[in-house]
Amino acid sequence: MANTVSAQKRNRQAQKRRTRNVQVRTGVKSAVKKVREALENGDTAAATVALKAAERTIAKGGSKGVVARNAVSRKISRLAHAVAKASPK
Protein backbone atom coordinates (compact mmCIF):
# COMPACT_ATOMS: atom_id res chain seq x y z
CA MET A 1 0.00 0.00 0.00
CA ALA A 2 1.18 3.52 -0.79
CA ASN A 3 2.49 5.51 2.18
CA THR A 4 2.62 9.09 0.99
CA VAL A 5 -0.35 11.23 0.01
CA SER A 6 0.99 11.68 -3.52
CA ALA A 7 1.50 7.92 -3.92
CA GLN A 8 -2.05 7.29 -2.72
CA LYS A 9 -3.36 9.79 -5.25
CA ARG A 10 -1.32 8.15 -8.02
CA ASN A 11 -2.79 4.80 -7.02
CA ARG A 12 -6.34 6.19 -7.26
CA GLN A 13 -5.60 7.72 -10.65
CA ALA A 14 -4.10 4.47 -11.92
CA GLN A 15 -7.18 2.54 -10.83
CA LYS A 16 -9.49 4.98 -12.64
CA ARG A 17 -7.39 4.78 -15.80
CA ARG A 18 -7.27 1.00 -15.64
CA THR A 19 -11.06 0.76 -15.35
CA ARG A 20 -11.52 3.13 -18.29
CA ASN A 21 -8.93 1.31 -20.40
CA VAL A 22 -10.50 -2.08 -19.72
CA GLN A 23 -13.89 -0.75 -20.84
CA VAL A 24 -12.43 0.68 -24.05
CA ARG A 25 -10.54 -2.55 -24.84
CA THR A 26 -13.68 -4.60 -24.19
CA GLY A 27 -15.66 -2.34 -26.52
CA VAL A 28 -13.05 -2.81 -29.25
CA LYS A 29 -13.12 -6.58 -28.87
CA SER A 30 -16.93 -6.63 -28.95
CA ALA A 31 -17.04 -4.48 -32.08
CA VAL A 32 -14.57 -6.75 -33.88
CA LYS A 33 -16.51 -9.80 -32.75
CA LYS A 34 -19.77 -8.42 -34.18
CA VAL A 35 -18.16 -7.93 -37.58
CA ARG A 36 -16.64 -11.43 -37.54
CA GLU A 37 -19.94 -13.02 -36.52
CA ALA A 38 -21.81 -11.21 -39.29
CA LEU A 39 -19.23 -12.47 -41.80
CA GLU A 40 -19.50 -16.04 -40.49
CA ASN A 41 -23.28 -15.90 -40.90
CA GLY A 42 -22.85 -14.64 -44.46
CA ASP A 43 -24.72 -11.41 -43.78
CA THR A 44 -22.64 -8.87 -45.69
CA ALA A 45 -25.09 -6.02 -45.11
CA ALA A 46 -24.88 -6.46 -41.34
CA ALA A 47 -21.11 -6.87 -41.60
CA THR A 48 -20.83 -3.54 -43.44
CA VAL A 49 -22.90 -1.76 -40.79
CA ALA A 50 -20.94 -3.45 -38.00
CA LEU A 51 -17.67 -2.50 -39.72
CA LYS A 52 -18.60 1.17 -39.72
CA ALA A 53 -19.37 1.03 -35.99
CA ALA A 54 -16.22 -0.99 -35.32
CA GLU A 55 -14.02 1.50 -37.18
CA ARG A 56 -15.35 4.30 -35.00
CA THR A 57 -14.88 2.32 -31.78
CA ILE A 58 -11.37 1.18 -32.67
CA ALA A 59 -10.31 4.68 -33.76
CA LYS A 60 -11.64 6.12 -30.49
CA GLY A 61 -9.59 3.59 -28.56
CA GLY A 62 -6.54 4.68 -30.51
CA SER A 63 -7.16 8.37 -29.94
CA LYS A 64 -7.40 7.77 -26.20
CA GLY A 65 -4.08 5.94 -26.24
CA VAL A 66 -5.58 2.65 -25.07
CA VAL A 67 -4.86 0.85 -28.34
CA ALA A 68 -1.57 1.47 -30.14
CA ARG A 69 -1.77 3.54 -33.33
CA ASN A 70 -0.41 0.79 -35.58
CA ALA A 71 -2.73 -1.77 -33.99
CA VAL A 72 -5.68 0.50 -34.78
CA SER A 73 -4.68 0.70 -38.43
CA ARG A 74 -4.05 -3.04 -38.61
CA LYS A 75 -7.39 -4.01 -37.03
CA ILE A 76 -9.42 -1.66 -39.22
CA SER A 77 -7.55 -2.74 -42.35
CA ARG A 78 -8.02 -6.45 -41.70
CA LEU A 79 -11.71 -6.06 -40.94
CA ALA A 80 -12.29 -3.91 -44.03
CA HIS A 81 -10.43 -6.43 -46.17
CA ALA A 82 -12.51 -9.31 -44.80
CA VAL A 83 -15.78 -7.46 -45.41
CA ALA A 84 -14.73 -6.44 -48.93
CA LYS A 85 -13.73 -10.02 -49.70
CA ALA A 86 -17.12 -11.34 -48.56
CA SER A 87 -19.16 -8.66 -50.35
CA PRO A 88 -20.47 -9.47 -53.82
CA LYS A 89 -18.69 -7.71 -56.63
PDB file of N, CA and C in Angstrom:
ATOM      1  N   MET A   1       0.847  -1.182   0.000  1.00  0.00           N
ATOM      2  CA  MET A   1       0.000   0.000   0.000  1.00  0.00           C
ATOM      3  C   MET A   1       0.886   1.237   0.000  1.00  0.00           C
ATOM      4  N   ALA A   2       0.423   2.276  -0.684  1.00  0.00           N
ATOM      5  CA  ALA A   2       1.175   3.518  -0.786  1.00  0.00           C
ATOM      6  C   ALA A   2       1.188   4.249   0.558  1.00  0.00           C
ATOM      7  N   ASN A   3       2.339   4.830   0.885  1.00  0.00           N
ATOM      8  CA  ASN A   3       2.486   5.505   2.176  1.00  0.00           C
ATOM      9  C   ASN A   3       2.255   7.005   2.108  1.00  0.00           C
ATOM     10  N   THR A   4       2.735   7.637   1.069  1.00  0.00           N
ATOM     11  CA  THR A   4       2.617   9.087   0.994  1.00  0.00           C
ATOM     12  C   THR A   4       1.288   9.481   0.343  1.00  0.00           C
ATOM     13  N   VAL A   5       0.908  10.719   0.568  1.00  0.00           N
ATOM     14  CA  VAL A   5      -0.348  11.233   0.007  1.00  0.00           C
ATOM     15  C   VAL A   5      -0.283  11.224  -1.518  1.00  0.00           C
ATOM     16  N   SER A   6       0.859  11.624  -2.058  1.00  0.00           N
ATOM     17  CA  SER A   6       0.992  11.675  -3.519  1.00  0.00           C
ATOM     18  C   SER A   6       0.951  10.270  -4.122  1.00  0.00           C
ATOM     19  N   ALA A   7       1.533   9.295  -3.416  1.00  0.00           N
ATOM     20  CA  ALA A   7       1.504   7.919  -3.918  1.00  0.00           C
ATOM     21  C   ALA A   7       0.084   7.351  -3.847  1.00  0.00           C
ATOM     22  N   GLN A   8      -0.660   7.732  -2.835  1.00  0.00           N
ATOM     23  CA  GLN A   8      -2.046   7.291  -2.718  1.00  0.00           C
ATOM     24  C   GLN A   8      -2.883   7.865  -3.863  1.00  0.00           C
ATOM     25  N   LYS A   9      -2.632   9.146  -4.157  1.00  0.00           N
ATOM     26  CA  LYS A   9      -3.359   9.787  -5.253  1.00  0.00           C
ATOM     27  C   LYS A   9      -3.012   9.111  -6.581  1.00  0.00           C
ATOM     28  N   ARG A  10      -1.740   8.834  -6.795  1.00  0.00           N
ATOM     29  CA  ARG A  10      -1.316   8.153  -8.019  1.00  0.00           C
ATOM     30  C   ARG A  10      -2.000   6.795  -8.143  1.00  0.00           C
ATOM     31  N   ASN A  11      -2.134   6.106  -7.026  1.00  0.00           N
ATOM     32  CA  ASN A  11      -2.788   4.804  -7.017  1.00  0.00           C
ATOM     33  C   ASN A  11      -4.260   4.939  -7.429  1.00  0.00           C
ATOM     34  N   ARG A  12      -4.938   5.951  -6.890  1.00  0.00           N
ATOM     35  CA  ARG A  12      -6.339   6.190  -7.260  1.00  0.00           C
ATOM     36  C   ARG A  12      -6.462   6.508  -8.750  1.00  0.00           C
ATOM     37  N   GLN A  13      -5.564   7.342  -9.236  1.00  0.00           N
ATOM     38  CA  GLN A  13      -5.596   7.717 -10.647  1.00  0.00           C
ATOM     39  C   GLN A  13      -5.364   6.496 -11.543  1.00  0.00           C
ATOM     40  N   ALA A  14      -4.417   5.661 -11.137  1.00  0.00           N
ATOM     41  CA  ALA A  14      -4.099   4.466 -11.925  1.00  0.00           C
ATOM     42  C   ALA A  14      -5.293   3.520 -11.973  1.00  0.00           C
ATOM     43  N   GLN A  15      -6.010   3.408 -10.867  1.00  0.00           N
ATOM     44  CA  GLN A  15      -7.183   2.536 -10.829  1.00  0.00           C
ATOM     45  C   GLN A  15      -8.287   3.060 -11.754  1.00  0.00           C
ATOM     46  N   LYS A  16      -8.487   4.380 -11.749  1.00  0.00           N
ATOM     47  CA  LYS A  16      -9.487   4.979 -12.638  1.00  0.00           C
ATOM     48  C   LYS A  16      -9.124   4.736 -14.098  1.00  0.00           C
ATOM     49  N   ARG A  17      -7.842   4.965 -14.421  1.00  0.00           N
ATOM     50  CA  ARG A  17      -7.385   4.777 -15.798  1.00  0.00           C
ATOM     51  C   ARG A  17      -7.542   3.326 -16.226  1.00  0.00           C
ATOM     52  N   ARG A  18      -7.180   2.417 -15.332  1.00  0.00           N
ATOM     53  CA  ARG A  18      -7.272   0.999 -15.644  1.00  0.00           C
ATOM     54  C   ARG A  18      -8.714   0.606 -15.949  1.00  0.00           C
ATOM     55  N   THR A  19      -9.643   1.061 -15.138  1.00  0.00           N
ATOM     56  CA  THR A  19     -11.061   0.759 -15.354  1.00  0.00           C
ATOM     57  C   THR A  19     -11.521   1.276 -16.705  1.00  0.00           C
ATOM     58  N   ARG A  20     -11.145   2.521 -17.017  1.00  0.00           N
ATOM     59  CA  ARG A  20     -11.522   3.132 -18.288  1.00  0.00           C
ATOM     60  C   ARG A  20     -10.902   2.365 -19.458  1.00  0.00           C
ATOM     61  N   ASN A  21      -9.624   2.011 -19.328  1.00  0.00           N
ATOM     62  CA  ASN A  21      -8.927   1.307 -20.403  1.00  0.00           C
ATOM     63  C   ASN A  21      -9.522  -0.075 -20.648  1.00  0.00           C
ATOM     64  N   VAL A  22      -9.889  -0.759 -19.577  1.00  0.00           N
ATOM     65  CA  VAL A  22     -10.499  -2.084 -19.717  1.00  0.00           C
ATOM     66  C   VAL A  22     -11.818  -1.963 -20.472  1.00  0.00           C
ATOM     67  N   GLN A  23     -12.609  -0.946 -20.157  1.00  0.00           N
ATOM     68  CA  GLN A  23     -13.886  -0.745 -20.839  1.00  0.00           C
ATOM     69  C   GLN A  23     -13.679  -0.467 -22.327  1.00  0.00           C
ATOM     70  N   VAL A  24     -12.695   0.351 -22.641  1.00  0.00           N
ATOM     71  CA  VAL A  24     -12.430   0.679 -24.045  1.00  0.00           C
ATOM     72  C   VAL A  24     -11.973  -0.570 -24.792  1.00  0.00           C
ATOM     73  N   ARG A  25     -11.042  -1.330 -24.200  1.00  0.00           N
ATOM     74  CA  ARG A  25     -10.543  -2.547 -24.838  1.00  0.00           C
ATOM     75  C   ARG A  25     -11.666  -3.565 -25.051  1.00  0.00           C
ATOM     76  N   THR A  26     -12.545  -3.686 -24.074  1.00  0.00           N
ATOM     77  CA  THR A  26     -13.676  -4.601 -24.194  1.00  0.00           C
ATOM     78  C   THR A  26     -14.601  -4.173 -25.324  1.00  0.00           C
ATOM     79  N   GLY A  27     -14.825  -2.869 -25.437  1.00  0.00           N
ATOM     80  CA  GLY A  27     -15.656  -2.343 -26.525  1.00  0.00           C
ATOM     81  C   GLY A  27     -15.055  -2.636 -27.887  1.00  0.00           C
ATOM     82  N   VAL A  28     -13.735  -2.520 -27.992  1.00  0.00           N
ATOM     83  CA  VAL A  28     -13.050  -2.807 -29.254  1.00  0.00           C
ATOM     84  C   VAL A  28     -13.214  -4.284 -29.606  1.00  0.00           C
ATOM     85  N   LYS A  29     -12.989  -5.139 -28.624  1.00  0.00           N
ATOM     86  CA  LYS A  29     -13.124  -6.583 -28.867  1.00  0.00           C
ATOM     87  C   LYS A  29     -14.542  -6.946 -29.289  1.00  0.00           C
ATOM     88  N   SER A  30     -15.528  -6.346 -28.631  1.00  0.00           N
ATOM     89  CA  SER A  30     -16.928  -6.629 -28.954  1.00  0.00           C
ATOM     90  C   SER A  30     -17.267  -6.171 -30.370  1.00  0.00           C
ATOM     91  N   ALA A  31     -16.769  -5.012 -30.747  1.00  0.00           N
ATOM     92  CA  ALA A  31     -17.043  -4.483 -32.083  1.00  0.00           C
ATOM     93  C   ALA A  31     -16.445  -5.396 -33.154  1.00  0.00           C
ATOM     94  N   VAL A  32     -15.227  -5.847 -32.927  1.00  0.00           N
ATOM     95  CA  VAL A  32     -14.569  -6.745 -33.879  1.00  0.00           C
ATOM     96  C   VAL A  32     -15.343  -8.064 -33.958  1.00  0.00           C
ATOM     97  N   LYS A  33     -15.779  -8.542 -32.802  1.00  0.00           N
ATOM     98  CA  LYS A  33     -16.511  -9.804 -32.746  1.00  0.00           C
ATOM     99  C   LYS A  33     -17.822  -9.724 -33.532  1.00  0.00           C
ATOM    100  N   LYS A  34     -18.510  -8.592 -33.447  1.00  0.00           N
ATOM    101  CA  LYS A  34     -19.766  -8.420 -34.177  1.00  0.00           C
ATOM    102  C   LYS A  34     -19.543  -8.500 -35.684  1.00  0.00           C
ATOM    103  N   VAL A  35     -18.464  -7.889 -36.152  1.00  0.00           N
ATOM    104  CA  VAL A  35     -18.160  -7.931 -37.584  1.00  0.00           C
ATOM    105  C   VAL A  35     -17.852  -9.362 -37.999  1.00  0.00           C
ATOM    106  N   ARG A  36     -17.021 -10.042 -37.227  1.00  0.00           N
ATOM    107  CA  ARG A  36     -16.638 -11.427 -37.545  1.00  0.00           C
ATOM    108  C   ARG A  36     -17.858 -12.360 -37.556  1.00  0.00           C
ATOM    109  N   GLU A  37     -18.743 -12.182 -36.583  1.00  0.00           N
ATOM    110  CA  GLU A  37     -19.939 -13.024 -36.525  1.00  0.00           C
ATOM    111  C   GLU A  37     -20.846 -12.787 -37.729  1.00  0.00           C
ATOM    112  N   ALA A  38     -20.989 -11.528 -38.123  1.00  0.00           N
ATOM    113  CA  ALA A  38     -21.810 -11.212 -39.292  1.00  0.00           C
ATOM    114  C   ALA A  38     -21.215 -11.853 -40.547  1.00  0.00           C
ATOM    115  N   LEU A  39     -19.888 -11.850 -40.645  1.00  0.00           N
ATOM    116  CA  LEU A  39     -19.233 -12.471 -41.796  1.00  0.00           C
ATOM    117  C   LEU A  39     -19.416 -13.982 -41.782  1.00  0.00           C
ATOM    118  N   GLU A  40     -19.322 -14.586 -40.604  1.00  0.00           N
ATOM    119  CA  GLU A  40     -19.500 -16.037 -40.495  1.00  0.00           C
ATOM    120  C   GLU A  40     -20.915 -16.450 -40.896  1.00  0.00           C
ATOM    121  N   ASN A  41     -21.895 -15.610 -40.560  1.00  0.00           N
ATOM    122  CA  ASN A  41     -23.282 -15.902 -40.904  1.00  0.00           C
ATOM    123  C   ASN A  41     -23.600 -15.593 -42.364  1.00  0.00           C
ATOM    124  N   GLY A  42     -22.655 -14.965 -43.048  1.00  0.00           N
ATOM    125  CA  GLY A  42     -22.850 -14.641 -44.456  1.00  0.00           C
ATOM    126  C   GLY A  42     -23.693 -13.408 -44.696  1.00  0.00           C
ATOM    127  N   ASP A  43     -23.896 -12.622 -43.672  1.00  0.00           N
ATOM    128  CA  ASP A  43     -24.719 -11.411 -43.782  1.00  0.00           C
ATOM    129  C   ASP A  43     -23.803 -10.217 -44.057  1.00  0.00           C
ATOM    130  N   THR A  44     -23.576  -9.933 -45.334  1.00  0.00           N
ATOM    131  CA  THR A  44     -22.637  -8.868 -45.692  1.00  0.00           C
ATOM    132  C   THR A  44     -23.178  -7.482 -45.364  1.00  0.00           C
ATOM    133  N   ALA A  45     -24.498  -7.319 -45.426  1.00  0.00           N
ATOM    134  CA  ALA A  45     -25.089  -6.017 -45.107  1.00  0.00           C
ATOM    135  C   ALA A  45     -24.861  -5.690 -43.634  1.00  0.00           C
ATOM    136  N   ALA A  46     -25.101  -6.664 -42.771  1.00  0.00           N
ATOM    137  CA  ALA A  46     -24.878  -6.456 -41.335  1.00  0.00           C
ATOM    138  C   ALA A  46     -23.394  -6.271 -41.045  1.00  0.00           C
ATOM    139  N   ALA A  47     -22.562  -6.992 -41.791  1.00  0.00           N
ATOM    140  CA  ALA A  47     -21.113  -6.866 -41.599  1.00  0.00           C
ATOM    141  C   ALA A  47     -20.639  -5.467 -41.962  1.00  0.00           C
ATOM    142  N   THR A  48     -21.203  -4.894 -43.020  1.00  0.00           N
ATOM    143  CA  THR A  48     -20.830  -3.544 -43.441  1.00  0.00           C
ATOM    144  C   THR A  48     -21.224  -2.513 -42.381  1.00  0.00           C
ATOM    145  N   VAL A  49     -22.433  -2.675 -41.840  1.00  0.00           N
ATOM    146  CA  VAL A  49     -22.896  -1.764 -40.791  1.00  0.00           C
ATOM    147  C   VAL A  49     -22.042  -1.919 -39.531  1.00  0.00           C
ATOM    148  N   ALA A  50     -21.756  -3.178 -39.185  1.00  0.00           N
ATOM    149  CA  ALA A  50     -20.941  -3.446 -37.997  1.00  0.00           C
ATOM    150  C   ALA A  50     -19.513  -2.932 -38.195  1.00  0.00           C
ATOM    151  N   LEU A  51     -19.024  -3.001 -39.429  1.00  0.00           N
ATOM    152  CA  LEU A  51     -17.674  -2.504 -39.724  1.00  0.00           C
ATOM    153  C   LEU A  51     -17.590  -1.003 -39.482  1.00  0.00           C
ATOM    154  N   LYS A  52     -18.607  -0.286 -39.915  1.00  0.00           N
ATOM    155  CA  LYS A  52     -18.604   1.169 -39.723  1.00  0.00           C
ATOM    156  C   LYS A  52     -18.570   1.517 -38.234  1.00  0.00           C
ATOM    157  N   ALA A  53     -19.362   0.801 -37.446  1.00  0.00           N
ATOM    158  CA  ALA A  53     -19.375   1.027 -35.994  1.00  0.00           C
ATOM    159  C   ALA A  53     -18.041   0.607 -35.375  1.00  0.00           C
ATOM    160  N   ALA A  54     -17.486  -0.488 -35.869  1.00  0.00           N
ATOM    161  CA  ALA A  54     -16.219  -0.990 -35.325  1.00  0.00           C
ATOM    162  C   ALA A  54     -15.076  -0.021 -35.623  1.00  0.00           C
ATOM    163  N   GLU A  55     -15.070   0.532 -36.826  1.00  0.00           N
ATOM    164  CA  GLU A  55     -14.024   1.499 -37.184  1.00  0.00           C
ATOM    165  C   GLU A  55     -14.033   2.672 -36.211  1.00  0.00           C
ATOM    166  N   ARG A  56     -15.215   3.161 -35.913  1.00  0.00           N
ATOM    167  CA  ARG A  56     -15.351   4.298 -34.995  1.00  0.00           C
ATOM    168  C   ARG A  56     -14.859   3.928 -33.593  1.00  0.00           C
ATOM    169  N   THR A  57     -15.262   2.761 -33.116  1.00  0.00           N
ATOM    170  CA  THR A  57     -14.880   2.323 -31.776  1.00  0.00           C
ATOM    171  C   THR A  57     -13.375   2.114 -31.677  1.00  0.00           C
ATOM    172  N   ILE A  58     -12.803   1.463 -32.679  1.00  0.00           N
ATOM    173  CA  ILE A  58     -11.367   1.184 -32.671  1.00  0.00           C
ATOM    174  C   ILE A  58     -10.573   2.488 -32.751  1.00  0.00           C
ATOM    175  N   ALA A  59     -11.009   3.397 -33.619  1.00  0.00           N
ATOM    176  CA  ALA A  59     -10.314   4.682 -33.762  1.00  0.00           C
ATOM    177  C   ALA A  59     -10.375   5.487 -32.468  1.00  0.00           C
ATOM    178  N   LYS A  60     -11.516   5.426 -31.778  1.00  0.00           N
ATOM    179  CA  LYS A  60     -11.642   6.120 -30.494  1.00  0.00           C
ATOM    180  C   LYS A  60     -10.662   5.549 -29.478  1.00  0.00           C
ATOM    181  N   GLY A  61     -10.533   4.236 -29.459  1.00  0.00           N
ATOM    182  CA  GLY A  61      -9.585   3.592 -28.555  1.00  0.00           C
ATOM    183  C   GLY A  61      -8.166   4.028 -28.846  1.00  0.00           C
ATOM    184  N   GLY A  62      -7.867   4.215 -30.120  1.00  0.00           N
ATOM    185  CA  GLY A  62      -6.538   4.681 -30.505  1.00  0.00           C
ATOM    186  C   GLY A  62      -6.294   6.121 -30.119  1.00  0.00           C
ATOM    187  N   SER A  63      -7.317   6.952 -30.264  1.00  0.00           N
ATOM    188  CA  SER A  63      -7.155   8.373 -29.940  1.00  0.00           C
ATOM    189  C   SER A  63      -6.987   8.581 -28.441  1.00  0.00           C
ATOM    190  N   LYS A  64      -7.537   7.671 -27.645  1.00  0.00           N
ATOM    191  CA  LYS A  64      -7.397   7.771 -26.195  1.00  0.00           C
ATOM    192  C   LYS A  64      -6.072   7.184 -25.710  1.00  0.00           C
ATOM    193  N   GLY A  65      -5.355   6.507 -26.616  1.00  0.00           N
ATOM    194  CA  GLY A  65      -4.076   5.936 -26.243  1.00  0.00           C
ATOM    195  C   GLY A  65      -4.185   4.560 -25.609  1.00  0.00           C
ATOM    196  N   VAL A  66      -5.376   3.977 -25.657  1.00  0.00           N
ATOM    197  CA  VAL A  66      -5.580   2.654 -25.067  1.00  0.00           C
ATOM    198  C   VAL A  66      -5.068   1.578 -26.023  1.00  0.00           C
ATOM    199  N   VAL A  67      -5.326   1.774 -27.312  1.00  0.00           N
ATOM    200  CA  VAL A  67      -4.864   0.851 -28.339  1.00  0.00           C
ATOM    201  C   VAL A  67      -3.778   1.572 -29.122  1.00  0.00           C
ATOM    202  N   ALA A  68      -2.687   0.863 -29.415  1.00  0.00           N
ATOM    203  CA  ALA A  68      -1.571   1.469 -30.136  1.00  0.00           C
ATOM    204  C   ALA A  68      -2.003   1.898 -31.535  1.00  0.00           C
ATOM    205  N   ARG A  69      -1.390   2.959 -32.040  1.00  0.00           N
ATOM    206  CA  ARG A  69      -1.771   3.538 -33.326  1.00  0.00           C
ATOM    207  C   ARG A  69      -1.658   2.531 -34.474  1.00  0.00           C
ATOM    208  N   ASN A  70      -0.570   1.773 -34.508  1.00  0.00           N
ATOM    209  CA  ASN A  70      -0.405   0.786 -35.579  1.00  0.00           C
ATOM    210  C   ASN A  70      -1.400  -0.358 -35.443  1.00  0.00           C
ATOM    211  N   ALA A  71      -1.743  -0.710 -34.222  1.00  0.00           N
ATOM    212  CA  ALA A  71      -2.729  -1.773 -33.990  1.00  0.00           C
ATOM    213  C   ALA A  71      -4.102  -1.326 -34.481  1.00  0.00           C
ATOM    214  N   VAL A  72      -4.404  -0.050 -34.300  1.00  0.00           N
ATOM    215  CA  VAL A  72      -5.676   0.503 -34.781  1.00  0.00           C
ATOM    216  C   VAL A  72      -5.746   0.354 -36.290  1.00  0.00           C
ATOM    217  N   SER A  73      -4.713   0.779 -36.976  1.00  0.00           N
ATOM    218  CA  SER A  73      -4.679   0.696 -38.433  1.00  0.00           C
ATOM    219  C   SER A  73      -4.785  -0.747 -38.897  1.00  0.00           C
ATOM    220  N   ARG A  74      -4.062  -1.632 -38.227  1.00  0.00           N
ATOM    221  CA  ARG A  74      -4.051  -3.039 -38.614  1.00  0.00           C
ATOM    222  C   ARG A  74      -5.432  -3.676 -38.440  1.00  0.00           C
ATOM    223  N   LYS A  75      -6.074  -3.419 -37.293  1.00  0.00           N
ATOM    224  CA  LYS A  75      -7.389  -4.007 -37.031  1.00  0.00           C
ATOM    225  C   LYS A  75      -8.427  -3.530 -38.043  1.00  0.00           C
ATOM    226  N   ILE A  76      -8.450  -2.225 -38.278  1.00  0.00           N
ATOM    227  CA  ILE A  76      -9.419  -1.661 -39.222  1.00  0.00           C
ATOM    228  C   ILE A  76      -9.170  -2.208 -40.627  1.00  0.00           C
ATOM    229  N   SER A  77      -7.904  -2.270 -41.017  1.00  0.00           N
ATOM    230  CA  SER A  77      -7.553  -2.745 -42.348  1.00  0.00           C
ATOM    231  C   SER A  77      -7.966  -4.199 -42.550  1.00  0.00           C
ATOM    232  N   ARG A  78      -7.689  -5.031 -41.573  1.00  0.00           N
ATOM    233  CA  ARG A  78      -8.022  -6.451 -41.698  1.00  0.00           C
ATOM    234  C   ARG A  78      -9.533  -6.677 -41.742  1.00  0.00           C
ATOM    235  N   LEU A  79     -10.256  -5.926 -40.926  1.00  0.00           N
ATOM    236  CA  LEU A  79     -11.713  -6.057 -40.942  1.00  0.00           C
ATOM    237  C   LEU A  79     -12.283  -5.594 -42.285  1.00  0.00           C
ATOM    238  N   ALA A  80     -11.797  -4.449 -42.760  1.00  0.00           N
ATOM    239  CA  ALA A  80     -12.292  -3.908 -44.031  1.00  0.00           C
ATOM    240  C   ALA A  80     -11.990  -4.869 -45.174  1.00  0.00           C
ATOM    241  N   HIS A  81     -10.813  -5.464 -45.138  1.00  0.00           N
ATOM    242  CA  HIS A  81     -10.428  -6.427 -46.174  1.00  0.00           C
ATOM    243  C   HIS A  81     -11.343  -7.650 -46.135  1.00  0.00           C
ATOM    244  N   ALA A  82     -11.646  -8.146 -44.940  1.00  0.00           N
ATOM    245  CA  ALA A  82     -12.505  -9.311 -44.805  1.00  0.00           C
ATOM    246  C   ALA A  82     -13.917  -9.027 -45.299  1.00  0.00           C
ATOM    247  N   VAL A  83     -14.426  -7.824 -44.972  1.00  0.00           N
ATOM    248  CA  VAL A  83     -15.778  -7.457 -45.413  1.00  0.00           C
ATOM    249  C   VAL A  83     -15.804  -7.283 -46.930  1.00  0.00           C
ATOM    250  N   ALA A  84     -14.783  -6.647 -47.488  1.00  0.00           N
ATOM    251  CA  ALA A  84     -14.728  -6.440 -48.929  1.00  0.00           C
ATOM    252  C   ALA A  84     -14.637  -7.772 -49.684  1.00  0.00           C
ATOM    253  N   LYS A  85     -13.894  -8.704 -49.094  1.00  0.00           N
ATOM    254  CA  LYS A  85     -13.733 -10.025 -49.703  1.00  0.00           C
ATOM    255  C   LYS A  85     -15.058 -10.793 -49.705  1.00  0.00           C
ATOM    256  N   ALA A  86     -15.849 -10.615 -48.664  1.00  0.00           N
ATOM    257  CA  ALA A  86     -17.122 -11.336 -48.555  1.00  0.00           C
ATOM    258  C   ALA A  86     -18.236 -10.686 -49.365  1.00  0.00           C
ATOM    259  N   SER A  87     -18.106  -9.392 -49.628  1.00  0.00           N
ATOM    260  CA  SER A  87     -19.161  -8.664 -50.349  1.00  0.00           C
ATOM    261  C   SER A  87     -19.185  -9.088 -51.822  1.00  0.00           C
ATOM    262  N   PRO A  88     -20.384  -9.132 -52.390  1.00  0.00           N
ATOM    263  CA  PRO A  88     -20.475  -9.473 -53.822  1.00  0.00           C
ATOM    264  C   PRO A  88     -19.907  -8.347 -54.669  1.00  0.00           C
ATOM    265  N   LYS A  89     -19.316  -8.722 -55.750  1.00  0.00           N
ATOM    266  CA  LYS A  89     -18.688  -7.713 -56.625  1.00  0.00           C
ATOM    267  C   LYS A  89     -19.707  -7.053 -57.515  1.00  0.00           C
TER     268      LYS A  89
END
